[in-house]
């Protein structure tokens, strides 16, 4: 429709200008927030530029919904100030039909934002965070102490006093095996274990199990293979914003296998999609602002 093309022709220059403005603003905020750290660590100017470049996709992701709202409101207001809305509505075109291009554009941008976030934003954000930690000498140890977790649908429980990531070594190991009904089956206790040949090899390990009514012990003979990956024992430093969809699904699967409680809520991409659509709704139907705002902030 000619009207749709005309409205979008008025919209896109404002939208692109808003994107550039908000992206520049977000980049400057991030730069000046960390500037004292860069100066105190003698970070070179080239590394500062690299960090800012890696942060551009994330800045676009932040700026997209706000720029969409700003451009929509500005375009409608500009048409109103030139009395073009009066001419449009006088010709018999209803208000809801007039804003349909904005609604469809919002849906397209929401879908684009999801794939853009997963394919472009998350990898570049990882690079940005890694480079920032490197130039600021922020070393993160992946050794962990007092590790307790479940696996095998909660039927195997690990308790480890210390995990040495560099040597891939466990110290002070207790592994409890449960039956399907949750009753005790056996307990393995070892002073040390090392990751070799895709499995844990225990030193001085004893297995305790019931023999009738007596709990007896015997040396571990390797009949049960424990092959939990060393990554499971590392310090939990998973950043949700750095997980792509496939990695997030694997992480949730691992949590379920460890019988960890899972908070059931809407997936983040659905939440982001609905949020962007609500911004468009408020900009296109300002008379709904009060009622919708009450629903947002009171729920």
Protein backbone atom coordinates (compact mmCIF):
# COMPACT_ATOMS: atom_id res chain seq x y z
CA UNK A 1 0.00 0.00 0.00
CA UNK A 2 1.23 3.50 -0.85
CA UNK A 3 0.53 4.73 2.69
CA UNK A 4 2.64 1.95 4.23
CA UNK A 5 5.58 2.78 1.98
CA UNK A 6 5.26 6.45 2.79
CA UNK A 7 5.14 5.85 6.55
CA UNK A 8 8.13 3.51 6.46
CA UNK A 9 10.03 6.00 4.31
CA UNK A 10 9.53 8.55 7.08
CA UNK A 11 10.39 5.97 9.76
CA UNK A 12 13.69 4.42 8.64
CA UNK A 13 15.90 7.57 8.59
CA UNK A 14 14.80 8.33 12.16
CA UNK A 15 15.32 4.72 13.20
CA UNK A 16 18.85 4.51 11.79
CA UNK A 17 19.77 7.85 13.36
CA UNK A 18 18.42 6.69 16.71
CA UNK A 19 20.35 3.40 16.49
CA UNK A 20 23.60 5.26 15.83
CA UNK A 21 22.93 7.74 18.62
CA UNK A 22 22.07 5.11 21.25
CA UNK A 23 24.93 2.80 20.22
CA UNK A 24 27.42 5.67 20.50
CA UNK A 25 25.98 6.60 23.88
CA UNK A 26 26.24 3.02 25.22
CA UNK A 27 29.81 2.67 23.94
CA UNK A 28 30.83 5.91 25.61
CA UNK A 29 29.22 4.88 28.89
CA UNK A 30 31.07 1.54 28.84
CA UNK A 31 34.36 3.23 27.91
CA UNK A 32 34.23 5.92 30.60
CA UNK A 33 33.00 3.42 33.21
CA UNK A 34 36.13 1.31 32.70
CA UNK A 35 38.52 4.10 31.77
CA UNK A 36 40.12 4.30 35.23
CA UNK A 37 40.79 0.55 35.11
CA UNK A 38 42.42 0.87 31.69
CA UNK A 39 44.60 3.75 32.83
CA UNK A 40 45.63 2.06 36.07
CA UNK A 41 46.61 -1.11 34.14
CA UNK A 42 48.38 0.80 31.33
CA UNK A 43 46.10 -0.66 28.67
CA UNK A 44 47.14 0.40 25.19
CA UNK A 45 44.87 2.57 23.04
CA UNK A 46 44.60 -0.20 20.42
CA UNK A 47 43.25 -2.65 23.02
CA UNK A 48 40.70 -0.07 24.17
CA UNK A 49 39.54 0.27 20.56
CA UNK A 50 39.33 -3.54 20.15
CA UNK A 51 37.25 -3.85 23.33
CA UNK A 52 34.89 -1.13 22.10
CA UNK A 53 34.58 -2.78 18.67
CA UNK A 54 33.71 -6.13 20.27
CA UNK A 55 31.05 -4.33 22.32
CA UNK A 56 29.30 -2.79 19.29
CA UNK A 57 26.97 -5.79 18.61
CA UNK A 58 25.87 -5.86 22.25
CA UNK A 59 25.28 -2.10 22.11
CA UNK A 60 23.11 -2.59 19.02
CA UNK A 61 21.14 -5.25 20.89
CA UNK A 62 20.56 -2.84 23.78
CA UNK A 63 19.72 0.08 21.49
CA UNK A 64 17.38 -1.72 19.09
CA UNK A 65 14.13 -1.77 21.15
CA UNK A 66 14.66 1.78 22.46
CA UNK A 67 15.44 3.09 18.97
CA UNK A 68 12.37 1.29 17.63
CA UNK A 69 10.17 2.95 20.23
CA UNK A 70 11.77 6.37 19.71
CA UNK A 71 11.50 6.23 15.91
CA UNK A 72 7.87 5.07 16.04
CA UNK A 73 6.84 7.84 18.44
CA UNK A 74 8.81 10.47 16.53
CA UNK A 75 7.39 9.44 13.13
CA UNK A 76 3.79 9.50 14.36
CA UNK A 77 4.37 12.82 16.13
CA UNK A 78 5.97 14.34 13.04
CA UNK A 79 3.06 13.29 10.84
CA UNK A 80 0.67 14.78 13.39
CA UNK A 81 2.56 18.08 13.52
CA UNK A 82 2.21 18.43 9.72
CA UNK A 83 -1.53 17.60 9.90
CA UNK A 84 -0.94 14.51 7.75
CA UNK A 85 -2.63 12.27 10.29
CA UNK A 86 -5.77 14.37 9.97
CA UNK A 87 -5.75 13.82 6.20
CA UNK A 88 -5.13 10.09 6.63
CA UNK A 89 -7.93 9.56 9.13
CA UNK A 90 -10.30 11.81 7.16
CA UNK A 91 -9.84 9.53 4.17
CA UNK A 92 -11.40 6.66 6.15
CA UNK A 93 -8.24 4.81 7.22
CA UNK A 94 -8.61 3.69 10.86
CA UNK A 95 -5.87 4.26 13.42
CA UNK A 96 -5.22 0.56 13.89
CA UNK A 97 -4.72 0.08 10.16
CA UNK A 98 -2.36 3.04 10.09
CA UNK A 99 -0.02 1.52 12.73
CA UNK A 100 0.07 -1.98 11.18
CA UNK A 101 3.44 -1.30 9.43
CA UNK A 102 4.97 -0.53 12.83
CA UNK A 103 3.54 -3.71 14.34
CA UNK A 104 4.84 -5.94 11.55
CA UNK A 105 8.18 -4.15 11.63
CA UNK A 106 8.38 -4.78 15.38
CA UNK A 107 7.74 -8.51 14.87
CA UNK A 108 10.43 -8.70 12.17
CA UNK A 109 12.90 -6.81 14.37
CA UNK A 110 12.16 -9.10 17.31
CA UNK A 111 12.91 -12.23 15.26
CA UNK A 112 16.01 -10.57 13.81
CA UNK A 113 17.13 -9.57 17.30
CA UNK A 114 16.91 -13.16 18.55
CA UNK A 115 19.13 -14.59 15.79
CA UNK A 116 21.44 -11.56 15.87
CA UNK A 117 21.89 -12.05 19.62
CA UNK A 118 22.59 -15.77 19.29
CA UNK A 119 24.88 -15.67 16.24
CA UNK A 120 26.71 -12.33 16.55
CA UNK A 121 26.27 -10.72 19.97
CA UNK A 122 27.15 -13.63 22.26
CA UNK A 123 30.45 -14.62 20.52
CA UNK A 124 31.65 -11.01 20.34
CA UNK A 125 30.65 -10.40 23.97
CA UNK A 126 32.74 -13.42 24.99
CA UNK A 127 35.70 -11.98 23.10
CA UNK A 128 35.16 -8.59 24.70
CA UNK A 129 35.03 -10.02 28.23
CA UNK A 130 38.04 -12.27 27.60
CA UNK A 131 40.11 -9.39 26.19
CA UNK A 132 39.07 -7.10 29.06
CA UNK A 133 40.15 -9.66 31.66
CA UNK A 134 43.41 -10.26 29.81
CA UNK A 135 44.47 -6.63 29.55
CA UNK A 136 43.35 -5.92 33.13
CA UNK A 137 45.21 -9.02 34.42
CA UNK A 138 42.06 -10.44 35.97
CA UNK A 139 42.98 -14.11 36.28
CA UNK A 140 40.19 -16.46 37.28
CA UNK A 141 41.07 -19.71 38.98
CA UNK A 142 38.90 -22.67 38.06
CA UNK A 143 40.02 -24.70 41.06
CA UNK A 144 37.13 -25.44 43.39
CA UNK A 145 36.65 -26.75 46.92
CA UNK A 146 33.82 -28.59 48.66
CA UNK A 147 32.13 -29.68 45.43
CA UNK A 148 28.86 -31.57 45.85
CA UNK A 149 26.55 -32.47 42.97
CA UNK A 150 24.27 -35.21 41.69
CA UNK A 151 24.27 -37.03 38.37
CA UNK A 152 22.66 -40.07 36.76
CA UNK A 153 19.20 -38.64 37.53
CA UNK A 154 20.13 -38.12 41.16
CA UNK A 155 21.24 -41.71 41.78
CA UNK A 156 24.96 -40.84 42.01
CA UNK A 157 26.19 -38.20 44.47
CA UNK A 158 29.71 -36.76 44.32
CA UNK A 159 31.43 -35.03 47.23
CA UNK A 160 34.94 -33.69 46.58
CA UNK A 161 37.12 -31.72 48.98
CA UNK A 162 39.30 -30.13 46.29
CA UNK A 163 39.54 -30.05 42.49
CA UNK A 164 42.86 -29.02 40.90
CA UNK A 165 42.07 -27.83 37.37
CA UNK A 166 45.66 -27.60 36.15
CA UNK A 167 46.43 -31.20 37.13
CA UNK A 168 42.85 -32.43 36.67
CA UNK A 169 43.01 -34.05 40.06
CA UNK A 170 40.41 -34.69 42.76
CA UNK A 171 41.21 -34.91 46.46
CA UNK A 172 39.05 -36.30 49.23
CA UNK A 173 36.43 -38.12 47.17
CA UNK A 174 33.19 -39.67 48.36
CA UNK A 175 30.76 -41.12 45.80
CA UNK A 176 27.40 -42.45 46.95
CA UNK A 177 25.36 -44.76 44.72
CA UNK A 178 21.60 -45.02 45.28
CA UNK A 179 19.04 -47.54 44.09
CA UNK A 180 16.14 -46.53 41.87
CA UNK A 181 13.92 -46.14 44.95
CA UNK A 182 16.47 -43.82 46.58
CA UNK A 183 17.86 -46.35 49.07
CA UNK A 184 21.58 -46.72 49.74
CA UNK A 185 23.51 -49.01 47.37
CA UNK A 186 27.25 -48.36 47.88
CA UNK A 187 29.79 -45.73 48.85
CA UNK A 188 33.22 -45.16 47.34
CA UNK A 189 35.88 -43.32 49.35
CA UNK A 190 39.28 -42.37 47.90
CA UNK A 191 42.11 -40.06 48.85
CA UNK A 192 42.83 -38.96 45.31
CA UNK A 193 41.75 -39.41 41.69
CA UNK A 194 43.26 -38.30 38.38
CA UNK A 195 41.65 -37.90 34.97
CA UNK A 196 43.26 -40.41 32.61
CA UNK A 197 41.99 -42.21 29.52
CA UNK A 198 38.61 -40.42 29.68
CA UNK A 199 37.87 -41.72 33.17
CA UNK A 200 38.79 -41.11 36.81
CA UNK A 201 41.50 -43.38 38.20
CA UNK A 202 41.34 -43.62 41.99
CA UNK A 203 44.15 -44.15 44.46
CA UNK A 204 43.60 -46.14 47.66
CA UNK A 205 39.89 -46.39 47.00
CA UNK A 206 37.54 -48.44 49.13
CA UNK A 207 33.94 -49.38 48.36
CA UNK A 208 31.42 -49.86 51.18
CA UNK A 209 28.28 -51.90 50.53
CA UNK A 210 25.79 -54.00 52.45
CA UNK A 211 26.40 -57.70 52.89
CA UNK A 212 23.22 -58.78 54.59
CA UNK A 213 22.93 -56.56 57.66
CA UNK A 214 26.65 -55.77 57.77
CA UNK A 215 28.33 -52.87 55.97
CA UNK A 216 31.53 -54.29 54.50
CA UNK A 217 34.39 -52.66 52.63
CA UNK A 218 36.54 -53.93 49.79
CA UNK A 219 39.07 -52.36 47.39
CA UNK A 220 37.69 -50.62 44.32
CA UNK A 221 38.10 -52.97 41.34
CA UNK A 222 36.94 -50.65 38.56
CA UNK A 223 33.64 -52.46 38.01
CA UNK A 224 31.86 -49.09 37.99
CA UNK A 225 33.41 -46.54 35.63
CA UNK A 226 33.22 -42.90 36.70
CA UNK A 227 33.66 -40.70 33.67
CA UNK A 228 32.18 -37.35 34.65
CA UNK A 229 34.01 -34.66 32.68
CA UNK A 230 36.49 -32.51 34.65
CA UNK A 231 34.52 -29.43 33.60
CA UNK A 232 31.76 -30.56 35.96
CA UNK A 233 34.07 -30.03 38.94
CA UNK A 234 35.26 -26.58 37.91
CA UNK A 235 34.14 -23.51 39.75
CA UNK A 236 30.71 -22.59 38.42
CA UNK A 237 31.34 -19.41 36.45
CA UNK A 238 28.71 -19.74 33.73
CA UNK A 239 27.48 -16.36 32.54
CA UNK A 240 23.97 -16.70 31.14
CA UNK A 241 24.44 -13.79 28.75
CA UNK A 242 27.41 -15.60 27.16
CA UNK A 243 25.50 -18.81 26.42
CA UNK A 244 24.12 -19.43 22.97
CA UNK A 245 20.83 -21.30 22.70
CA UNK A 246 22.43 -24.70 22.07
CA UNK A 247 24.86 -24.20 24.98
CA UNK A 248 22.08 -23.03 27.28
CA UNK A 249 20.03 -26.13 26.46
CA UNK A 250 23.03 -28.36 27.23
CA UNK A 251 23.60 -26.50 30.50
CA UNK A 252 19.96 -26.99 31.51
CA UNK A 253 20.20 -30.67 30.59
CA UNK A 254 23.27 -31.05 32.82
CA UNK A 255 21.44 -29.37 35.68
CA UNK A 256 18.52 -31.73 35.25
CA UNK A 257 20.84 -34.74 35.22
CA UNK A 258 22.31 -33.48 38.48
CA UNK A 259 18.75 -33.31 39.87
CA UNK A 260 19.12 -29.56 40.45
CA UNK A 261 15.91 -27.54 40.75
CA UNK A 262 15.01 -25.71 37.55
CA UNK A 263 13.12 -22.43 37.66
CA UNK A 264 10.38 -22.75 35.10
CA UNK A 265 9.74 -19.47 33.35
CA UNK A 266 9.38 -18.11 29.85
CA UNK A 267 12.53 -18.54 27.72
CA UNK A 268 14.57 -15.36 27.54
CA UNK A 269 13.99 -14.90 23.81
CA UNK A 270 10.21 -15.00 24.34
CA UNK A 271 10.53 -12.46 27.18
CA UNK A 272 12.62 -10.15 24.99
CA UNK A 273 10.19 -10.56 22.09
CA UNK A 274 7.17 -9.70 24.26
CA UNK A 275 8.98 -6.74 25.81
CA UNK A 276 9.75 -5.23 22.40
CA UNK A 277 6.18 -5.77 21.27
CA UNK A 278 4.90 -4.06 24.41
CA UNK A 279 7.09 -1.04 23.69
CA UNK A 280 5.55 -0.82 20.24
CA UNK A 281 2.05 -1.24 21.66
CA UNK A 282 2.55 1.65 24.06
CA UNK A 283 3.93 3.87 21.32
CA UNK A 284 1.16 3.05 18.84
CA UNK A 285 -1.70 3.13 21.33
CA UNK A 286 -0.83 5.79 23.90
CA UNK A 287 -4.32 5.66 25.45
CA UNK A 288 -3.45 2.18 26.74
CA UNK A 289 -0.36 3.55 28.56
CA UNK A 290 -1.83 3.82 32.03
CA UNK A 291 -3.49 0.41 32.11
CA UNK A 292 -0.55 -1.40 30.52
CA UNK A 293 2.02 0.32 32.74
CA UNK A 294 0.10 -0.80 35.80
CA UNK A 295 0.17 -4.40 34.53
CA UNK A 296 3.92 -4.24 33.83
CA UNK A 297 5.12 -2.72 37.07
CA UNK A 298 2.64 -4.35 39.46
CA UNK A 299 2.83 -7.95 38.18
